[in-house]
């Protein structure tokens, strides 16, 4: 069985990271501590042409 996730909303894209720094506490959060390989984050995309 494959896990098919919905695509990102218009103007956003998903990035996959193994860890990230929490904005308020400043602590590094690791996906492996939560039984995952990666976290999927939805981030805005700024595609302006120069």
Protein backbone atom coordinates (compact mmCIF):
# COMPACT_ATOMS: atom_id res chain seq x y z
CA UNK A 1 0.00 0.00 0.00
CA UNK A 2 1.46 3.35 -0.99
CA UNK A 3 0.93 6.49 1.03
CA UNK A 4 -0.17 9.20 -1.32
CA UNK A 5 -0.24 12.65 0.24
CA UNK A 6 -2.05 15.61 -1.28
CA UNK A 7 -0.02 18.08 -3.28
CA UNK A 8 1.05 21.38 -1.74
CA UNK A 9 -1.34 24.35 -2.00
CA UNK A 10 -0.80 26.94 -4.74
CA UNK A 11 2.28 29.07 -3.97
CA UNK A 12 3.75 26.54 -1.53
CA UNK A 13 5.97 23.47 -1.76
CA UNK A 14 7.03 20.72 0.59
CA UNK A 15 10.58 20.34 1.82
CA UNK A 16 11.86 17.33 3.75
CA UNK A 17 14.28 17.78 6.65
CA UNK A 18 15.77 15.45 9.26
CA UNK A 19 15.90 18.20 11.88
CA UNK A 20 15.01 21.85 12.41
CA UNK A 21 15.41 24.55 15.05
CA UNK A 22 12.23 25.44 16.95
CA UNK A 23 11.44 29.15 16.53
CA UNK A 24 10.41 29.93 20.13
CA UNK A 25 12.59 27.65 22.24
CA UNK A 26 15.65 27.52 19.97
CA UNK A 27 16.02 23.76 20.51
CA UNK A 28 16.95 21.44 17.67
CA UNK A 29 14.12 18.96 16.99
CA UNK A 30 15.16 15.64 15.39
CA UNK A 31 12.70 13.49 13.41
CA UNK A 32 14.30 10.28 14.71
CA UNK A 33 13.19 11.18 18.26
CA UNK A 34 9.59 10.99 17.04
CA UNK A 35 9.89 7.70 15.14
CA UNK A 36 10.22 9.37 11.74
CA UNK A 37 12.96 9.63 9.15
CA UNK A 38 12.08 13.15 8.03
CA UNK A 39 9.69 15.99 8.74
CA UNK A 40 7.65 17.39 5.84
CA UNK A 41 7.34 21.17 6.03
CA UNK A 42 5.13 23.31 3.80
CA UNK A 43 6.96 26.52 2.86
CA UNK A 44 5.96 29.45 0.64
CA UNK A 45 7.61 29.75 -2.75
CA UNK A 46 8.58 33.14 -4.09
CA UNK A 47 8.97 32.70 -7.84
CA UNK A 48 9.47 36.25 -9.05
CA UNK A 49 11.43 36.64 -12.22
CA UNK A 50 14.17 39.25 -12.40
